[in-house]
Amino acid sequence: MAGVFISFEGGEGCGKSTQIQRLAARLGKTGRKVVVTREPGGTMLGETIRHLLKHAREGRGMCPESELLLFSAARAQLVRSVILPALAEDAVVLSDRFFDSTTVYQGMVRGLDPLMVAAVHQMAVGDCVPRLTVVLALPVKEGRKRLMRRVRPVGGEHDRFEAESDEFHQNVLKGFLQLAEAEPKRVKVVDAGGTVDAVEKAVWRIMRRVL
């Protein structure tokens, strides 16, 4: 694969979308082709699964095993329809979440067997692993404040994951930090508590070394 695959991870409200947009704009100015996608989503199938996982009434009470398989189904389609073709064209692919989210949310926090989770990852993505994963680390309370300021449709509610308890989200943050300790070459942690500009500069310092 000639391109570069980079994923962004973190808890709710950490600013992934904003930093991806800024990084895409900066990379575009250098002449690089940039493809931005998200998980779950990025394809027609993936967006349908996203709605089921996050918003649909039918998804309420979903068991962790179903979450694992649905996220992985969306991911498998995204890899084959979007990510691999873009990498073959020498693009920089920026993904808002990838399999590390499933490792943390469904594995570490929901308590699924890590070997089972890893086996499903292997089936879904094969050798398609991000060269760099940026974890935007933000205290849960600050993430909550940012979510409250987020513009939503009239009557819009938090999605299933945003509505989880503070304890759940503390464990999510802990899980991402544990991943960074386990894979320091691939997973880099950035303090997301500063200004948007400061976080962008920190992300770019890491990106320059990768590119």
C-alpha atoms as a PDB file:
ATOM      1  CA  MET A   1       0.000   0.000   0.000  1.00  0.00           C
ATOM      2  CA  ALA A   2       1.499   3.305  -1.123  1.00  0.00           C
ATOM      3  CA  GLY A   3      -0.665   5.627   0.940  1.00  0.00           C
ATOM      4  CA  VAL A   4      -0.726   6.449   4.650  1.00  0.00           C
ATOM      5  CA  PHE A   5      -3.540   5.363   6.964  1.00  0.00           C
ATOM      6  CA  ILE A   6      -4.092   7.388  10.159  1.00  0.00           C
ATOM      7  CA  SER A   7      -6.861   6.943  12.706  1.00  0.00           C
ATOM      8  CA  PHE A   8      -8.062   9.229  15.465  1.00  0.00           C
ATOM      9  CA  GLU A   9      -9.437   7.885  18.736  1.00  0.00           C
ATOM     10  CA  GLY A  10     -10.667   9.200  22.056  1.00  0.00           C
ATOM     11  CA  GLY A  11     -13.677   9.602  24.292  1.00  0.00           C
ATOM     12  CA  GLU A  12     -16.857  11.487  23.537  1.00  0.00           C
ATOM     13  CA  GLY A  13     -16.390  15.215  22.907  1.00  0.00           C
ATOM     14  CA  CYS A  14     -12.596  15.047  22.591  1.00  0.00           C
ATOM     15  CA  GLY A  15     -12.518  16.938  19.280  1.00  0.00           C
ATOM     16  CA  LYS A  16     -11.630  14.218  16.781  1.00  0.00           C
ATOM     17  CA  SER A  17     -13.769  15.595  13.957  1.00  0.00           C
ATOM     18  CA  THR A  18     -12.367  19.116  14.340  1.00  0.00           C
ATOM     19  CA  GLN A  19      -8.761  17.955  14.346  1.00  0.00           C
ATOM     20  CA  ILE A  20      -9.314  15.646  11.369  1.00  0.00           C
ATOM     21  CA  GLN A  21     -10.801  18.527   9.375  1.00  0.00           C
ATOM     22  CA  ARG A  22      -7.858  20.764  10.239  1.00  0.00           C
ATOM     23  CA  LEU A  23      -5.297  18.099   9.439  1.00  0.00           C
ATOM     24  CA  ALA A  24      -7.000  17.322   6.125  1.00  0.00           C
ATOM     25  CA  ALA A  25      -6.876  20.996   5.169  1.00  0.00           C
ATOM     26  CA  ARG A  26      -3.203  21.266   6.116  1.00  0.00           C
ATOM     27  CA  LEU A  27      -2.282  18.132   4.193  1.00  0.00           C
ATOM     28  CA  GLY A  28      -4.284  19.315   1.197  1.00  0.00           C
ATOM     29  CA  LYS A  29      -2.141  22.438   1.021  1.00  0.00           C
ATOM     30  CA  THR A  30       0.948  20.248   0.647  1.00  0.00           C
ATOM     31  CA  GLY A  31      -0.531  18.645  -2.450  1.00  0.00           C
ATOM     32  CA  ARG A  32      -1.346  15.295  -0.852  1.00  0.00           C
ATOM     33  CA  LYS A  33      -4.580  13.563  -1.760  1.00  0.00           C
ATOM     34  CA  VAL A  34      -6.608  13.196   1.429  1.00  0.00           C
ATOM     35  CA  VAL A  35      -9.582  10.921   2.102  1.00  0.00           C
ATOM     36  CA  VAL A  36     -11.593  11.507   5.284  1.00  0.00           C
ATOM     37  CA  THR A  37     -13.935   8.867   6.649  1.00  0.00           C
ATOM     38  CA  ARG A  38     -15.530   7.782   9.895  1.00  0.00           C
ATOM     39  CA  GLU A  39     -16.576   4.742  11.883  1.00  0.00           C
ATOM     40  CA  PRO A  40     -19.083   3.348  11.883  1.00  0.00           C
ATOM     41  CA  GLY A  41     -19.976   4.797   8.506  1.00  0.00           C
ATOM     42  CA  GLY A  42     -18.158   5.929   5.417  1.00  0.00           C
ATOM     43  CA  THR A  43     -20.270   3.731   3.115  1.00  0.00           C
ATOM     44  CA  MET A  44     -24.006   3.391   2.566  1.00  0.00           C
ATOM     45  CA  LEU A  45     -24.000   0.142   4.517  1.00  0.00           C
ATOM     46  CA  GLY A  46     -21.839   1.630   7.246  1.00  0.00           C
ATOM     47  CA  GLU A  47     -24.062   4.672   7.711  1.00  0.00           C
ATOM     48  CA  THR A  48     -27.116   2.433   8.068  1.00  0.00           C
ATOM     49  CA  ILE A  49     -25.316   0.378  10.697  1.00  0.00           C
ATOM     50  CA  ARG A  50     -24.216   3.609  12.409  1.00  0.00           C
ATOM     51  CA  HIS A  51     -27.818   4.700  12.843  1.00  0.00           C
ATOM     52  CA  LEU A  52     -28.767   1.316  14.267  1.00  0.00           C
ATOM     53  CA  LEU A  53     -25.860   1.316  16.712  1.00  0.00           C
ATOM     54  CA  LYS A  54     -26.157   4.888  17.913  1.00  0.00           C
ATOM     55  CA  HIS A  55     -29.689   6.180  17.465  1.00  0.00           C
ATOM     56  CA  ALA A  56     -32.354   3.650  16.429  1.00  0.00           C
ATOM     57  CA  ARG A  57     -34.849   2.425  19.018  1.00  0.00           C
ATOM     58  CA  GLU A  58     -34.193  -1.099  17.790  1.00  0.00           C
ATOM     59  CA  GLY A  59     -30.635  -0.769  19.085  1.00  0.00           C
ATOM     60  CA  ARG A  60     -31.599  -0.113  22.689  1.00  0.00           C
ATOM     61  CA  GLY A  61     -30.503  -2.921  24.965  1.00  0.00           C
ATOM     62  CA  MET A  62     -28.127  -4.297  22.336  1.00  0.00           C
ATOM     63  CA  CYS A  63     -25.734  -6.875  23.773  1.00  0.00           C
ATOM     64  CA  PRO A  64     -21.939  -6.347  23.497  1.00  0.00           C
ATOM     65  CA  GLU A  65     -21.581  -9.260  21.082  1.00  0.00           C
ATOM     66  CA  SER A  66     -24.035  -7.629  18.674  1.00  0.00           C
ATOM     67  CA  GLU A  67     -22.162  -4.339  18.973  1.00  0.00           C
ATOM     68  CA  LEU A  68     -18.894  -6.088  18.162  1.00  0.00           C
ATOM     69  CA  LEU A  69     -20.270  -7.774  15.059  1.00  0.00           C
ATOM     70  CA  LEU A  70     -22.131  -4.726  13.748  1.00  0.00           C
ATOM     71  CA  PHE A  71     -19.147  -2.405  14.158  1.00  0.00           C
ATOM     72  CA  SER A  72     -16.974  -5.005  12.457  1.00  0.00           C
ATOM     73  CA  ALA A  73     -19.403  -5.445   9.564  1.00  0.00           C
ATOM     74  CA  ALA A  74     -19.356  -1.698   8.905  1.00  0.00           C
ATOM     75  CA  ARG A  75     -15.554  -1.721   9.212  1.00  0.00           C
ATOM     76  CA  ALA A  76     -15.080  -4.587   6.773  1.00  0.00           C
ATOM     77  CA  GLN A  77     -17.098  -2.726   4.135  1.00  0.00           C
ATOM     78  CA  LEU A  78     -15.224   0.530   4.778  1.00  0.00           C
ATOM     79  CA  VAL A  79     -11.818  -1.137   4.428  1.00  0.00           C
ATOM     80  CA  ARG A  80     -12.631  -2.778   1.120  1.00  0.00           C
ATOM     81  CA  SER A  81     -14.732  -0.017  -0.425  1.00  0.00           C
ATOM     82  CA  VAL A  82     -12.881   3.105   0.721  1.00  0.00           C
ATOM     83  CA  ILE A  83      -9.643   2.680   2.642  1.00  0.00           C
ATOM     84  CA  LEU A  84      -7.740   0.127   0.543  1.00  0.00           C
ATOM     85  CA  PRO A  85      -8.613   1.764  -2.802  1.00  0.00           C
ATOM     86  CA  ALA A  86      -7.538   5.169  -1.446  1.00  0.00           C
ATOM     87  CA  LEU A  87      -4.235   3.821  -0.113  1.00  0.00           C
ATOM     88  CA  ALA A  88      -3.566   2.206  -3.481  1.00  0.00           C
ATOM     89  CA  GLU A  89      -3.840   5.685  -5.002  1.00  0.00           C
ATOM     90  CA  ASP A  90      -1.216   7.091  -2.584  1.00  0.00           C
ATOM     91  CA  ALA A  91      -3.781   8.992  -0.502  1.00  0.00           C
ATOM     92  CA  VAL A  92      -3.575   9.910   3.147  1.00  0.00           C
ATOM     93  CA  VAL A  93      -6.622   8.320   4.779  1.00  0.00           C
ATOM     94  CA  LEU A  94      -7.873   9.947   7.982  1.00  0.00           C
ATOM     95  CA  SER A  95     -10.454   7.919   9.877  1.00  0.00           C
ATOM     96  CA  ASP A  96     -12.544   9.117  12.803  1.00  0.00           C
ATOM     97  CA  ARG A  97     -12.206   5.878  14.812  1.00  0.00           C
ATOM     98  CA  PHE A  98     -11.147   2.405  13.696  1.00  0.00           C
ATOM     99  CA  PHE A  99     -10.732  -0.993  15.373  1.00  0.00           C
ATOM    100  CA  ASP A 100      -9.099   0.451  18.503  1.00  0.00           C
ATOM    101  CA  SER A 101     -12.500   1.834  19.494  1.00  0.00           C
ATOM    102  CA  THR A 102     -13.962  -1.655  19.398  1.00  0.00           C
ATOM    103  CA  THR A 103     -11.003  -3.026  21.366  1.00  0.00           C
ATOM    104  CA  VAL A 104     -11.694  -0.441  24.071  1.00  0.00           C
ATOM    105  CA  TYR A 105     -15.481  -0.028  24.090  1.00  0.00           C
ATOM    106  CA  GLN A 106     -16.587  -3.606  23.482  1.00  0.00           C
ATOM    107  CA  GLY A 107     -13.461  -5.405  24.712  1.00  0.00           C
ATOM    108  CA  MET A 108     -11.995  -3.582  27.681  1.00  0.00           C
ATOM    109  CA  VAL A 109     -15.127  -1.779  28.890  1.00  0.00           C
ATOM    110  CA  ARG A 110     -17.966  -4.128  27.904  1.00  0.00           C
ATOM    111  CA  GLY A 111     -15.820  -7.087  28.978  1.00  0.00           C
ATOM    112  CA  LEU A 112     -15.725  -9.228  25.840  1.00  0.00           C
ATOM    113  CA  ASP A 113     -12.931 -11.799  25.502  1.00  0.00           C
ATOM    114  CA  PRO A 114      -9.924  -9.952  24.009  1.00  0.00           C
ATOM    115  CA  LEU A 115      -8.937 -12.991  21.932  1.00  0.00           C
ATOM    116  CA  MET A 116     -12.405 -13.103  20.404  1.00  0.00           C
ATOM    117  CA  VAL A 117     -12.299  -9.368  19.678  1.00  0.00           C
ATOM    118  CA  ALA A 118      -8.865  -9.723  18.055  1.00  0.00           C
ATOM    119  CA  ALA A 119     -10.088 -12.607  15.900  1.00  0.00           C
ATOM    120  CA  VAL A 120     -13.039 -10.553  14.645  1.00  0.00           C
ATOM    121  CA  HIS A 121     -10.673  -7.661  13.887  1.00  0.00           C
ATOM    122  CA  GLN A 122      -8.495  -9.975  11.808  1.00  0.00           C
ATOM    123  CA  MET A 123     -11.482 -11.110   9.783  1.00  0.00           C
ATOM    124  CA  ALA A 124     -12.789  -7.568   9.281  1.00  0.00           C
ATOM    125  CA  VAL A 125      -9.597  -5.708   8.368  1.00  0.00           C
ATOM    126  CA  GLY A 126      -6.873  -8.241   7.575  1.00  0.00           C
ATOM    127  CA  ASP A 127      -3.576  -6.381   7.256  1.00  0.00           C
ATOM    128  CA  CYS A 128      -5.196  -2.931   7.084  1.00  0.00           C
ATOM    129  CA  VAL A 129      -3.755  -1.396  10.257  1.00  0.00           C
ATOM    130  CA  PRO A 130      -3.215   2.351  10.770  1.00  0.00           C
ATOM    131  CA  ARG A 131       0.392   3.482  10.540  1.00  0.00           C
ATOM    132  CA  LEU A 132      -0.452   6.039  13.233  1.00  0.00           C
ATOM    133  CA  THR A 133      -3.288   6.262  15.740  1.00  0.00           C
ATOM    134  CA  VAL A 134      -3.744   9.582  17.533  1.00  0.00           C
ATOM    135  CA  VAL A 135      -5.586   9.373  20.855  1.00  0.00           C
ATOM    136  CA  LEU A 136      -7.043  12.706  21.930  1.00  0.00           C
ATOM    137  CA  ALA A 137      -7.097  12.434  25.721  1.00  0.00           C
ATOM    138  CA  LEU A 138      -9.647  14.597  27.518  1.00  0.00           C
ATOM    139  CA  PRO A 139     -11.055  14.395  31.054  1.00  0.00           C
ATOM    140  CA  VAL A 140     -14.599  13.043  31.057  1.00  0.00           C
ATOM    141  CA  LYS A 141     -16.083  16.129  32.711  1.00  0.00           C
ATOM    142  CA  GLU A 142     -14.647  18.392  30.017  1.00  0.00           C
ATOM    143  CA  GLY A 143     -15.935  16.043  27.339  1.00  0.00           C
ATOM    144  CA  ARG A 144     -19.405  16.290  28.867  1.00  0.00           C
ATOM    145  CA  LYS A 145     -19.245  20.085  28.772  1.00  0.00           C
ATOM    146  CA  ARG A 146     -18.278  20.029  25.109  1.00  0.00           C
ATOM    147  CA  LEU A 147     -21.127  17.671  24.277  1.00  0.00           C
ATOM    148  CA  MET A 148     -23.567  20.046  25.941  1.00  0.00           C
ATOM    149  CA  ARG A 149     -22.323  22.867  23.704  1.00  0.00           C
ATOM    150  CA  ARG A 150     -22.623  20.769  20.548  1.00  0.00           C
ATOM    151  CA  VAL A 151     -25.311  21.948  18.126  1.00  0.00           C
ATOM    152  CA  ARG A 152     -28.043  19.333  17.796  1.00  0.00           C
ATOM    153  CA  PRO A 153     -31.349  19.133  15.910  1.00  0.00           C
ATOM    154  CA  VAL A 154     -34.399  20.283  17.842  1.00  0.00           C
ATOM    155  CA  GLY A 155     -35.307  17.479  20.226  1.00  0.00           C
ATOM    156  CA  GLY A 156     -32.027  15.713  19.498  1.00  0.00           C
ATOM    157  CA  GLU A 157     -30.796  13.353  22.196  1.00  0.00           C
ATOM    158  CA  HIS A 158     -27.406  11.961  23.102  1.00  0.00           C
ATOM    159  CA  ASP A 159     -26.603   8.756  21.243  1.00  0.00           C
ATOM    160  CA  ARG A 160     -26.350   5.417  23.084  1.00  0.00           C
ATOM    161  CA  PHE A 161     -22.661   5.826  23.828  1.00  0.00           C
ATOM    162  CA  GLU A 162     -22.764   9.491  24.812  1.00  0.00           C
ATOM    163  CA  ALA A 163     -25.553   8.620  27.271  1.00  0.00           C
ATOM    164  CA  GLU A 164     -23.413   6.068  29.141  1.00  0.00           C
ATOM    165  CA  SER A 165     -22.301   6.830  32.721  1.00  0.00           C
ATOM    166  CA  ASP A 166     -19.239   8.825  33.707  1.00  0.00           C
ATOM    167  CA  GLU A 167     -17.719   5.597  35.044  1.00  0.00           C
ATOM    168  CA  PHE A 168     -18.120   4.012  31.613  1.00  0.00           C
ATOM    169  CA  HIS A 169     -16.358   6.926  29.946  1.00  0.00           C
ATOM    170  CA  GLN A 170     -13.599   6.973  32.553  1.00  0.00           C
ATOM    171  CA  ASN A 171     -12.932   3.349  31.664  1.00  0.00           C
ATOM    172  CA  VAL A 172     -12.908   4.243  27.968  1.00  0.00           C
ATOM    173  CA  LEU A 173     -10.220   6.863  28.538  1.00  0.00           C
ATOM    174  CA  LYS A 174      -8.249   4.419  30.682  1.00  0.00           C
ATOM    175  CA  GLY A 175      -8.513   1.825  27.918  1.00  0.00           C
ATOM    176  CA  PHE A 176      -7.120   4.126  25.239  1.00  0.00           C
ATOM    177  CA  LEU A 177      -4.211   5.105  27.492  1.00  0.00           C
ATOM    178  CA  GLN A 178      -3.485   1.409  28.084  1.00  0.00           C
ATOM    179  CA  LEU A 179      -3.409   0.852  24.327  1.00  0.00           C
ATOM    180  CA  ALA A 180      -0.864   3.645  23.975  1.00  0.00           C
ATOM    181  CA  GLU A 181       1.314   2.003  26.604  1.00  0.00           C
ATOM    182  CA  ALA A 182       1.059  -1.351  24.844  1.00  0.00           C
ATOM    183  CA  GLU A 183       1.759   0.008  21.336  1.00  0.00           C
ATOM    184  CA  PRO A 184       3.847   3.182  21.767  1.00  0.00           C
ATOM    185  CA  LYS A 185       5.170   3.182  18.192  1.00  0.00           C
ATOM    186  CA  ARG A 186       1.721   3.270  16.612  1.00  0.00           C
ATOM    187  CA  VAL A 187      -0.507   4.888  19.252  1.00  0.00           C
ATOM    188  CA  LYS A 188       0.348   8.437  20.297  1.00  0.00           C
ATOM    189  CA  VAL A 189      -1.499  10.395  22.977  1.00  0.00           C
ATOM    190  CA  VAL A 190      -2.228  14.104  22.573  1.00  0.00           C
ATOM    191  CA  ASP A 191      -3.608  16.254  25.397  1.00  0.00           C
ATOM    192  CA  ALA A 192      -6.932  17.488  24.021  1.00  0.00           C
ATOM    193  CA  GLY A 193      -7.580  19.866  26.907  1.00  0.00           C
ATOM    194  CA  GLY A 194      -5.871  22.866  25.320  1.00  0.00           C
ATOM    195  CA  THR A 195      -7.105  25.231  22.647  1.00  0.00           C
ATOM    196  CA  VAL A 196      -8.063  23.894  19.241  1.00  0.00           C
ATOM    197  CA  ASP A 197      -4.966  25.553  17.775  1.00  0.00           C
ATOM    198  CA  ALA A 198      -2.669  24.042  20.416  1.00  0.00           C
ATOM    199  CA  VAL A 199      -4.034  20.557  19.811  1.00  0.00           C
ATOM    200  CA  GLU A 200      -3.643  21.017  16.059  1.00  0.00           C
ATOM    201  CA  LYS A 201       0.026  21.941  16.490  1.00  0.00           C
ATOM    202  CA  ALA A 202       0.621  18.883  18.693  1.00  0.00           C
ATOM    203  CA  VAL A 203      -1.016  16.606  16.116  1.00  0.00           C
ATOM    204  CA  TRP A 204       1.030  18.149  13.309  1.00  0.00           C
ATOM    205  CA  ARG A 205       4.305  17.575  15.173  1.00  0.00           C
ATOM    206  CA  ILE A 206       3.487  13.861  15.261  1.00  0.00           C
ATOM    207  CA  MET A 207       2.311  13.842  11.643  1.00  0.00           C
ATOM    208  CA  ARG A 208       5.526  15.388  10.341  1.00  0.00           C
ATOM    209  CA  ARG A 209       7.507  12.483  11.733  1.00  0.00           C
ATOM    210  CA  VAL A 210       5.143   9.969  10.129  1.00  0.00           C
ATOM    211  CA  LEU A 211       5.132  11.621   6.704  1.00  0.00           C
END
